[in-house]
Amino acid sequence: MIPRYQRAEMAALWTDDAKWRRWLDVEIAVVNAWSDEGVVPREDAELVAANAGYNVADIDRYQAEVHHDTLAFLRSVADTLGPESRWVHHGLTTSDVWDTASALQIRDAARIIEDDLDRLEASITRRAVEHKHTLCIGRTHGIHGEPTTFGLKLAGWIDETRRNRRRMADAIESVAVGKISGAVGTHATVPPHIEERVCRELGLGVEAISTQVVQRDRHAHFLSTLAVIAASLERFATEIRHLQRTEVREVREPFAEGQAGSSAMPHKRNPEKAERVCGLARTIRANALTALENVALWHERDISHTSAERIAIPDACFALDYITDMLAWIIDGLVIDADRMQANLESSYGLIYSQRVMLALTEAGVGRDDAYKRVQSYAMQAWDEGIQFRDLIEQDDVITSALDHEAMNAVFDPGFFTQHIDASFARLGL
C-alpha cells in the first residue's frame, strides 16, 4: 500500500522491524519453554532472553545470499549471541515462527480496526441522535418512496457498524492462533505442551490440528470480514455521494477553506473523500479473494500463499484502517441541510402519500384493486402534469365520499411516518 493511504499506527505494525521483533518474541518464548523442560540450560535461556537481537540490514544482506527469510533472520540473531544461539529455533520449522508471529501482527492490526469502528459508531450515533426527527424522503430504486428521518437512516448504519464490530471480534478469535508443531505438524520435534505454553504466553490460541502451517481458512475468514466491513463503509459513503449530488444536495462532506474541487471548474465541491472510501473498499474485496485462493495449498503446505499474503494482509489492514477513520471524519463534519430535505420531500407533488390514500380507502370499504388503480391513475397524472396529488384526488367522488376533510388531512400528515422513530432508536439503546 502506498504511504498516501497508511496511518502511522497501522503502518508501524507492518514494517520489517515489527515483523522481526515478533519473530524474536516467538523464538525466545520457545527457548524459555524448552528451558522449563530441562532441555535448554537455564543460564543459556537467560542469555538468549537478555541478549538476542537482530539487525535489519544484516538480515537483508544474508537474505540476498541464502534466499531464505528464516535462515537470514537466524544468522542475524546468532550474531548477537554466543554458543547459546544453538538453542534458537530448536525443533522448529519456518512456519512455526512465521505463522505464530503473523498471528500477533494480525491481532494487533485488528485491534486498531476495532478502535476505528468504535470511533465510527460514536460519530454516527452523535449525528443520528442530532437528526432523529429531521424529516427527509426515503428513496427506493432512486425514486421518492415515503418520508423517513435522516436520523433513522443513520441509525441503520449504527446497527450495521455494531454487527461489523462483532464480526471483527469473531474473526480475531479465529485468526489469532499459533502453531509450534514442527515440520509437518506431528509435534515429533516439539511436543504439544511446548506449543500450548508458548501460545498462552503470547496471548494466542492454539491451532488444534496443524500441518506445517496454520490453516488458511482462518486468514480467509479474517480478510473476508475486512471485506464485509469495507462493503458497509462503501454503502454509507455511496449514500453520502448520492445525497451530495447537485440535484439532491441534502448533505455535503466537509470542505476546508482553500480546498479545490476541480482544476478547471472553480465552483466544484465534490464528495471526493466519500469516493475515496468507495475506491479503497474495492481493493479490500480484491484482497479477500486472494485469501480465499490461498486456502487450497498442496498436501501439508506449499508456499504459494506467502508471497500473496505479504501484500494482501497488510494492504487490506492499511486500507480498512484508513477508510474507517476517513468515514468517521466525514460524518463528524457532514453538513446536513434540513431545509433542502424538506424541499425535496415536497417536490414530488405529494405522491409520497399514495399508499396512505390507498390504505385509507380500503379501510373505508373500497376494494383494494379498485383503490390501487384509482390512486395510481391520479399519481401518474400528477407526475406527468406537475399537479398536486391531493388536488387531483379531491376531485374524485369515490375518494371524497370515503374520506372526509379530516380524514384527508390525517392521510397527508407526515407525522404518521415518524410515529415509531423513538421505538426504533430504543432498540439500539438510544
Protein backbone atom coordinates (compact mmCIF):
# COMPACT_ATOMS: atom_id res chain seq x y z
CA MET A 1 0.00 0.00 0.00
CA ILE A 2 1.35 3.41 -0.92
CA PRO A 3 2.04 5.76 2.03
CA ARG A 4 -0.86 8.02 0.97
CA TYR A 5 -3.33 5.53 2.43
CA GLN A 6 -1.39 4.48 5.53
CA ARG A 7 -1.97 5.82 9.02
CA ALA A 8 1.02 5.90 11.36
CA GLU A 9 -0.07 3.39 13.99
CA MET A 10 -1.07 0.76 11.45
CA ALA A 11 1.99 1.39 9.29
CA ALA A 12 4.26 0.77 12.29
CA LEU A 13 2.82 -2.74 12.68
CA TRP A 14 3.86 -3.86 9.21
CA THR A 15 7.46 -2.71 8.96
CA ASP A 16 10.21 -5.29 8.59
CA ASP A 17 11.39 -4.39 12.06
CA ALA A 18 7.95 -5.06 13.53
CA LYS A 19 7.89 -8.45 11.82
CA TRP A 20 11.33 -9.48 13.00
CA ARG A 21 10.59 -8.29 16.53
CA ARG A 22 7.60 -10.61 16.73
CA TRP A 23 9.64 -13.45 15.23
CA LEU A 24 12.15 -12.92 18.01
CA ASP A 25 9.38 -12.93 20.62
CA VAL A 26 8.28 -16.35 19.36
CA GLU A 27 11.82 -17.76 19.32
CA ILE A 28 12.54 -16.54 22.87
CA ALA A 29 9.24 -17.94 24.15
CA VAL A 30 10.12 -21.35 22.69
CA VAL A 31 13.62 -21.31 24.24
CA ASN A 32 12.10 -20.47 27.63
CA ALA A 33 9.61 -23.32 27.27
CA TRP A 34 12.43 -25.76 26.43
CA SER A 35 14.33 -24.49 29.45
CA ASP A 36 11.42 -25.26 31.74
CA GLU A 37 11.50 -28.79 30.28
CA GLY A 38 15.16 -29.12 31.17
CA VAL A 39 16.27 -29.35 27.56
CA VAL A 40 17.88 -25.90 27.40
CA PRO A 41 20.14 -24.96 30.33
CA ARG A 42 18.61 -22.18 32.40
CA GLU A 43 21.66 -19.94 32.03
CA ASP A 44 21.56 -20.31 28.23
CA ALA A 45 17.86 -19.41 28.15
CA GLU A 46 18.54 -16.36 30.27
CA LEU A 47 21.32 -15.24 27.94
CA VAL A 48 19.05 -15.66 24.91
CA ALA A 49 16.23 -13.71 26.57
CA ALA A 50 18.58 -10.93 27.65
CA ASN A 51 20.77 -10.55 24.58
CA ALA A 52 19.05 -11.92 21.48
CA GLY A 53 18.56 -9.30 18.80
CA TYR A 54 18.83 -8.76 15.07
CA ASN A 55 19.95 -6.21 12.54
CA VAL A 56 17.54 -5.50 9.68
CA ALA A 57 20.34 -4.53 7.29
CA ASP A 58 22.19 -7.75 8.08
CA ILE A 59 19.05 -9.80 7.52
CA ASP A 60 18.64 -8.18 4.12
CA ARG A 61 22.27 -8.90 3.29
CA TYR A 62 22.03 -12.54 4.40
CA GLN A 63 18.73 -12.92 2.53
CA ALA A 64 20.44 -11.90 -0.71
CA GLU A 65 22.85 -14.78 -0.14
CA VAL A 66 20.66 -17.62 1.17
CA HIS A 67 17.32 -16.65 -0.38
CA HIS A 68 15.51 -17.75 2.81
CA ASP A 69 13.94 -15.35 5.29
CA THR A 70 14.24 -17.58 8.32
CA LEU A 71 17.85 -18.60 7.80
CA ALA A 72 18.81 -14.96 7.25
CA PHE A 73 16.96 -13.96 10.41
CA LEU A 74 18.52 -16.76 12.49
CA ARG A 75 22.01 -15.84 11.27
CA SER A 76 21.47 -12.25 12.38
CA VAL A 77 20.16 -13.40 15.76
CA ALA A 78 23.18 -15.66 16.17
CA ASP A 79 25.43 -12.65 15.58
CA THR A 80 24.11 -11.15 18.83
CA LEU A 81 24.69 -14.29 20.93
CA GLY A 82 27.40 -16.74 21.84
CA PRO A 83 27.24 -20.56 21.93
CA GLU A 84 23.72 -20.34 23.41
CA SER A 85 22.47 -19.37 19.93
CA ARG A 86 22.29 -23.11 19.13
CA TRP A 87 19.03 -23.29 21.09
CA VAL A 88 17.25 -20.67 19.00
CA HIS A 89 14.79 -22.37 16.63
CA HIS A 90 15.29 -25.71 18.37
CA GLY A 91 12.82 -28.25 16.96
CA LEU A 92 11.05 -25.65 14.85
CA THR A 93 10.30 -25.10 11.19
CA THR A 94 9.88 -21.75 9.48
CA SER A 95 6.09 -21.74 9.66
CA ASP A 96 6.13 -22.26 13.42
CA VAL A 97 7.69 -18.84 13.70
CA TRP A 98 6.18 -17.20 10.64
CA ASP A 99 2.56 -18.14 11.29
CA THR A 100 2.69 -17.54 15.01
CA ALA A 101 4.34 -14.14 14.61
CA SER A 102 1.92 -13.26 11.81
CA ALA A 103 -0.96 -14.01 14.15
CA LEU A 104 0.47 -11.45 16.55
CA GLN A 105 0.68 -8.84 13.80
CA ILE A 106 -2.81 -9.53 12.53
CA ARG A 107 -4.27 -9.48 16.04
CA ASP A 108 -2.64 -6.12 16.79
CA ALA A 109 -3.80 -4.69 13.46
CA ALA A 110 -7.33 -5.91 14.10
CA ARG A 111 -7.39 -4.19 17.46
CA ILE A 112 -6.62 -0.89 15.75
CA ILE A 113 -9.53 -1.52 13.39
CA GLU A 114 -11.76 -2.32 16.37
CA ASP A 115 -10.88 1.09 17.80
CA ASP A 116 -11.63 2.66 14.40
CA LEU A 117 -15.06 1.04 14.38
CA ASP A 118 -15.77 2.28 17.89
CA ARG A 119 -14.96 5.81 16.81
CA LEU A 120 -17.08 5.46 13.68
CA GLU A 121 -20.03 4.23 15.72
CA ALA A 122 -19.67 7.18 18.09
CA SER A 123 -19.63 9.63 15.18
CA ILE A 124 -22.70 8.11 13.54
CA THR A 125 -24.53 7.93 16.86
CA ARG A 126 -23.99 11.60 17.61
CA ARG A 127 -25.35 12.68 14.24
CA ALA A 128 -28.21 10.16 14.36
CA VAL A 129 -29.45 11.49 17.69
CA GLU A 130 -28.99 15.06 16.46
CA HIS A 131 -31.19 14.38 13.42
CA LYS A 132 -33.51 11.80 14.94
CA HIS A 133 -36.59 13.72 13.79
CA THR A 134 -35.17 15.52 10.75
CA LEU A 135 -37.68 14.62 8.07
CA CYS A 136 -36.38 13.53 4.66
CA ILE A 137 -37.59 11.45 1.77
CA GLY A 138 -36.91 7.73 1.70
CA ARG A 139 -35.97 6.52 -1.76
CA THR A 140 -36.32 3.08 -3.36
CA HIS A 141 -34.81 2.45 -6.79
CA GLY A 142 -33.61 6.06 -6.52
CA ILE A 143 -37.24 7.25 -6.65
CA HIS A 144 -39.20 9.01 -3.90
CA GLY A 145 -40.90 6.46 -1.68
CA GLU A 146 -42.22 7.69 1.66
CA PRO A 147 -40.94 10.03 4.37
CA THR A 148 -38.38 8.85 6.90
CA THR A 149 -35.90 10.75 9.04
CA PHE A 150 -32.24 11.30 8.46
CA GLY A 151 -31.61 10.06 11.98
CA LEU A 152 -33.33 6.75 11.24
CA LYS A 153 -31.17 6.37 8.12
CA LEU A 154 -28.09 6.82 10.30
CA ALA A 155 -29.49 4.50 12.97
CA GLY A 156 -29.33 1.69 10.43
CA TRP A 157 -25.66 2.49 9.97
CA ILE A 158 -25.13 2.26 13.74
CA ASP A 159 -26.66 -1.20 13.86
CA GLU A 160 -24.60 -2.36 10.89
CA THR A 161 -21.41 -0.99 12.44
CA ARG A 162 -22.17 -2.88 15.64
CA ARG A 163 -22.61 -6.08 13.63
CA ASN A 164 -19.27 -5.41 11.99
CA ARG A 165 -17.68 -4.94 15.40
CA ARG A 166 -18.97 -8.37 16.42
CA ARG A 167 -17.77 -9.85 13.13
CA MET A 168 -14.31 -8.44 13.79
CA ALA A 169 -14.19 -9.92 17.28
CA ASP A 170 -15.12 -13.32 15.85
CA ALA A 171 -12.50 -13.02 13.10
CA ILE A 172 -9.80 -12.12 15.62
CA GLU A 173 -10.62 -15.18 17.69
CA SER A 174 -10.36 -17.31 14.57
CA VAL A 175 -7.10 -15.91 13.19
CA ALA A 176 -5.17 -15.21 16.41
CA VAL A 177 -3.77 -18.72 16.78
CA GLY A 178 -0.23 -20.04 16.69
CA LYS A 179 1.35 -23.35 15.85
CA ILE A 180 4.57 -24.80 17.24
CA SER A 181 4.26 -28.30 15.84
CA GLY A 182 7.29 -28.90 13.64
CA ALA A 183 7.85 -29.76 10.02
CA VAL A 184 4.52 -31.34 9.06
CA GLY A 185 2.50 -30.72 12.21
CA THR A 186 3.17 -34.02 14.01
CA HIS A 187 4.90 -32.47 17.06
CA ALA A 188 7.69 -35.02 16.54
CA THR A 189 10.39 -32.43 17.32
CA VAL A 190 8.40 -30.19 19.66
CA PRO A 191 5.71 -31.67 21.92
CA PRO A 192 2.18 -30.25 22.17
CA HIS A 193 2.63 -28.87 25.69
CA ILE A 194 5.50 -26.67 24.44
CA GLU A 195 3.16 -25.29 21.78
CA GLU A 196 0.42 -24.68 24.33
CA ARG A 197 2.74 -22.91 26.73
CA VAL A 198 4.24 -20.67 24.03
CA CYS A 199 0.87 -19.68 22.59
CA ARG A 200 -0.51 -19.00 26.06
CA GLU A 201 2.48 -16.78 26.87
CA LEU A 202 1.97 -14.85 23.61
CA GLY A 203 -1.76 -14.44 24.17
CA LEU A 204 -2.75 -16.65 21.23
CA GLY A 205 -4.97 -19.63 20.76
CA VAL A 206 -3.57 -22.94 19.50
CA GLU A 207 -4.18 -24.46 16.08
CA ALA A 208 -5.59 -27.77 17.30
CA ILE A 209 -4.52 -29.75 14.24
CA SER A 210 -1.93 -28.07 12.06
CA THR A 211 0.05 -29.24 9.09
CA GLN A 212 3.24 -27.30 8.53
CA VAL A 213 1.06 -24.18 8.62
CA VAL A 214 -1.90 -22.67 10.36
CA GLN A 215 -4.77 -23.46 8.02
CA ARG A 216 -5.55 -20.58 5.68
CA ASP A 217 -9.32 -20.73 6.06
CA ARG A 218 -8.61 -18.65 9.17
CA HIS A 219 -6.90 -15.92 7.18
CA ALA A 220 -9.61 -16.10 4.52
CA HIS A 221 -12.21 -15.58 7.28
CA PHE A 222 -10.29 -12.57 8.56
CA LEU A 223 -9.85 -10.88 5.18
CA SER A 224 -13.43 -11.71 4.22
CA THR A 225 -14.53 -9.96 7.38
CA LEU A 226 -12.50 -6.91 6.42
CA ALA A 227 -14.20 -7.04 3.02
CA VAL A 228 -17.68 -7.18 4.59
CA ILE A 229 -16.83 -4.19 6.79
CA ALA A 230 -15.46 -2.32 3.77
CA ALA A 231 -18.68 -3.08 1.87
CA SER A 232 -20.65 -1.48 4.69
CA LEU A 233 -18.45 1.60 4.63
CA GLU A 234 -18.87 1.80 0.86
CA ARG A 235 -22.64 1.64 1.32
CA PHE A 236 -22.56 4.55 3.77
CA ALA A 237 -20.21 6.56 1.56
CA THR A 238 -22.31 5.87 -1.54
CA GLU A 239 -25.35 7.27 0.23
CA ILE A 240 -23.43 10.42 1.09
CA ARG A 241 -22.25 10.74 -2.51
CA HIS A 242 -25.81 10.47 -3.82
CA LEU A 243 -27.16 12.96 -1.30
CA GLN A 244 -24.45 15.46 -2.28
CA ARG A 245 -25.42 15.42 -5.97
CA THR A 246 -26.42 18.85 -7.29
CA GLU A 247 -30.00 17.71 -7.91
CA VAL A 248 -30.30 16.42 -4.32
CA ARG A 249 -27.86 18.44 -2.19
CA GLU A 250 -29.18 17.27 1.17
CA VAL A 251 -25.74 16.69 2.68
CA ARG A 252 -22.20 17.78 1.88
CA GLU A 253 -18.96 16.30 3.13
CA PRO A 254 -16.55 18.71 4.85
CA PHE A 255 -14.81 21.19 2.57
CA ALA A 256 -11.92 23.12 4.07
CA GLU A 257 -11.10 26.75 3.39
CA GLY A 258 -8.78 26.85 0.40
CA GLN A 259 -9.77 23.38 -0.78
CA ALA A 260 -10.44 22.93 -4.50
CA GLY A 261 -12.73 20.50 -6.26
CA SER A 262 -11.54 20.81 -9.84
CA SER A 263 -8.51 22.11 -11.70
CA ALA A 264 -10.83 23.51 -14.37
CA MET A 265 -14.16 24.40 -12.67
CA PRO A 266 -13.79 26.61 -9.59
CA HIS A 267 -17.39 26.03 -8.49
CA LYS A 268 -16.95 22.29 -7.91
CA ARG A 269 -17.44 20.88 -4.42
CA ASN A 270 -17.12 17.15 -4.93
CA PRO A 271 -17.68 14.25 -2.49
CA GLU A 272 -14.13 13.11 -3.17
CA LYS A 273 -13.45 11.75 0.32
CA ALA A 274 -16.54 9.54 0.14
CA GLU A 275 -15.44 8.47 -3.33
CA ARG A 276 -12.05 7.56 -1.87
CA VAL A 277 -13.77 5.32 0.68
CA CYS A 278 -15.61 3.54 -2.14
CA GLY A 279 -12.48 3.09 -4.23
CA LEU A 280 -10.37 1.60 -1.45
CA ALA A 281 -13.22 -0.69 -0.38
CA ARG A 282 -12.84 -2.38 -3.77
CA THR A 283 -9.18 -3.15 -3.12
CA ILE A 284 -10.07 -4.76 0.20
CA ARG A 285 -12.56 -7.06 -1.51
CA ALA A 286 -9.88 -7.99 -4.04
CA ASN A 287 -7.51 -8.93 -1.22
CA ALA A 288 -10.21 -11.12 0.31
CA LEU A 289 -10.36 -13.06 -2.94
CA THR A 290 -6.60 -13.59 -2.71
CA ALA A 291 -7.03 -15.01 0.79
CA LEU A 292 -9.69 -17.42 -0.44
CA GLU A 293 -7.33 -18.58 -3.19
CA ASN A 294 -4.70 -19.26 -0.52
CA VAL A 295 -6.81 -21.83 1.33
CA ALA A 296 -6.07 -24.73 -1.04
CA LEU A 297 -2.38 -25.47 -0.50
CA TRP A 298 -0.64 -28.68 -1.56
CA HIS A 299 -0.50 -31.54 0.96
CA GLU A 300 0.92 -30.33 4.29
CA ARG A 301 1.75 -27.00 2.67
CA ASP A 302 3.42 -25.16 -0.16
CA ILE A 303 4.48 -21.52 -0.16
CA SER A 304 2.28 -20.17 -2.92
CA HIS A 305 0.36 -18.30 -0.21
CA THR A 306 3.26 -16.41 1.36
CA SER A 307 4.08 -14.05 -1.48
CA ALA A 308 0.40 -13.12 -1.81
CA GLU A 309 -0.05 -12.65 1.94
CA ARG A 310 2.89 -10.28 2.18
CA ILE A 311 0.76 -7.90 0.08
CA ALA A 312 -2.86 -8.84 0.72
CA ILE A 313 -2.99 -8.87 4.53
CA PRO A 314 -1.09 -5.62 5.25
CA ASP A 315 -2.76 -3.77 2.38
CA ALA A 316 -6.25 -4.79 3.49
CA CYS A 317 -5.46 -3.65 7.02
CA PHE A 318 -3.98 -0.37 5.79
CA ALA A 319 -6.98 0.36 3.60
CA LEU A 320 -9.68 -0.51 6.12
CA ASP A 321 -7.96 1.45 8.88
CA TYR A 322 -7.70 4.42 6.54
CA ILE A 323 -11.27 4.43 5.22
CA THR A 324 -12.87 3.77 8.60
CA ASP A 325 -11.07 6.79 10.02
CA MET A 326 -11.90 8.79 6.89
CA LEU A 327 -15.60 7.99 7.09
CA ALA A 328 -15.75 8.93 10.78
CA TRP A 329 -14.18 12.28 9.83
CA ILE A 330 -16.71 12.78 7.03
CA ILE A 331 -19.67 12.06 9.31
CA ASP A 332 -18.31 14.26 12.11
CA GLY A 333 -18.16 17.22 9.74
CA LEU A 334 -21.08 16.36 7.47
CA VAL A 335 -23.15 19.41 6.52
CA ILE A 336 -26.80 18.35 6.81
CA ASP A 337 -29.34 20.61 5.11
CA ALA A 338 -32.74 20.00 6.73
CA ASP A 339 -34.42 22.70 4.63
CA ARG A 340 -33.27 21.07 1.41
CA MET A 341 -34.52 17.72 2.69
CA GLN A 342 -37.94 19.25 3.28
CA ALA A 343 -37.96 20.88 -0.15
CA ASN A 344 -37.04 17.61 -1.84
CA LEU A 345 -39.71 15.78 0.11
CA GLU A 346 -42.31 18.24 -1.17
CA SER A 347 -41.04 18.22 -4.76
CA SER A 348 -42.95 15.13 -5.92
CA TYR A 349 -46.40 16.72 -5.71
CA GLY A 350 -47.49 14.83 -2.59
CA LEU A 351 -47.15 11.44 -4.26
CA ILE A 352 -45.34 10.18 -1.17
CA TYR A 353 -48.78 9.82 0.45
CA SER A 354 -50.17 7.46 -2.21
CA GLN A 355 -50.03 4.35 -0.02
CA ARG A 356 -51.72 6.24 2.81
CA VAL A 357 -54.58 7.18 0.47
CA MET A 358 -54.92 3.61 -0.82
CA LEU A 359 -54.98 2.11 2.66
CA ALA A 360 -57.45 4.68 3.92
CA LEU A 361 -59.76 3.84 1.02
CA THR A 362 -59.59 0.10 1.68
CA GLU A 363 -60.24 0.70 5.37
CA ALA A 364 -63.28 2.75 4.31
CA GLY A 365 -64.66 -0.17 2.30
CA VAL A 366 -63.26 0.38 -1.20
CA GLY A 367 -61.86 -2.76 -2.83
CA ARG A 368 -58.09 -2.86 -2.76
CA ASP A 369 -57.66 -3.35 -6.50
CA ASP A 370 -60.04 -0.51 -7.26
CA ALA A 371 -58.30 1.71 -4.69
CA TYR A 372 -54.87 0.88 -6.10
CA LYS A 373 -55.82 1.60 -9.71
CA ARG A 374 -57.69 4.78 -8.83
CA VAL A 375 -54.78 6.15 -6.77
CA GLN A 376 -52.24 5.07 -9.36
CA SER A 377 -54.02 6.87 -12.19
CA TYR A 378 -54.00 10.16 -10.29
CA ALA A 379 -50.39 9.60 -9.27
CA MET A 380 -49.30 9.21 -12.88
CA GLN A 381 -51.26 12.33 -13.84
CA ALA A 382 -49.57 14.28 -11.06
CA TRP A 383 -46.16 13.18 -12.33
CA ASP A 384 -46.90 13.93 -15.95
CA GLU A 385 -48.66 17.26 -15.50
CA GLY A 386 -46.93 18.60 -12.39
CA ILE A 387 -50.19 18.85 -10.43
CA GLN A 388 -50.50 18.31 -6.68
CA PHE A 389 -51.69 14.78 -6.00
CA ARG A 390 -54.14 15.88 -3.32
CA ASP A 391 -55.81 18.38 -5.66
CA LEU A 392 -56.49 15.59 -8.14
CA ILE A 393 -57.91 13.02 -5.73
CA GLU A 394 -60.15 15.60 -4.10
CA GLN A 395 -62.00 15.83 -7.44
CA ASP A 396 -62.88 12.13 -7.31
CA ASP A 397 -66.33 11.46 -5.83
CA VAL A 398 -65.49 7.90 -4.79
CA ILE A 399 -62.47 9.10 -2.84
CA THR A 400 -64.14 12.13 -1.27
CA SER A 401 -67.17 10.11 -0.24
CA ALA A 402 -64.87 7.65 1.52
CA LEU A 403 -62.53 10.27 3.05
CA ASP A 404 -63.89 13.48 4.56
CA HIS A 405 -61.73 16.59 5.04
CA GLU A 406 -60.49 15.49 8.46
CA ALA A 407 -59.58 12.04 7.17
CA MET A 408 -57.82 13.58 4.20
CA ASN A 409 -55.74 15.80 6.49
CA ALA A 410 -54.74 12.74 8.52
CA VAL A 411 -53.72 10.90 5.37
CA PHE A 412 -51.43 13.76 4.30
CA ASP A 413 -49.84 14.21 7.74
CA PRO A 414 -46.09 13.44 7.55
CA GLY A 415 -46.06 12.77 11.27
CA PHE A 416 -47.67 9.41 10.57
CA PHE A 417 -44.39 8.16 9.15
CA THR A 418 -42.31 9.12 12.18
CA GLN A 419 -44.55 7.85 14.98
CA HIS A 420 -42.30 4.85 15.74
CA ILE A 421 -38.91 6.55 15.42
CA ASP A 422 -38.40 6.61 19.19
CA ALA A 423 -39.14 2.89 19.39
CA SER A 424 -36.60 2.17 16.67
CA PHE A 425 -33.93 4.17 18.48
CA ALA A 426 -34.80 2.43 21.74
CA ARG A 427 -33.91 -0.89 20.11
CA LEU A 428 -30.37 0.47 19.82
CA GLY A 429 -30.37 1.70 23.40
CA LEU A 430 -30.58 5.31 22.19
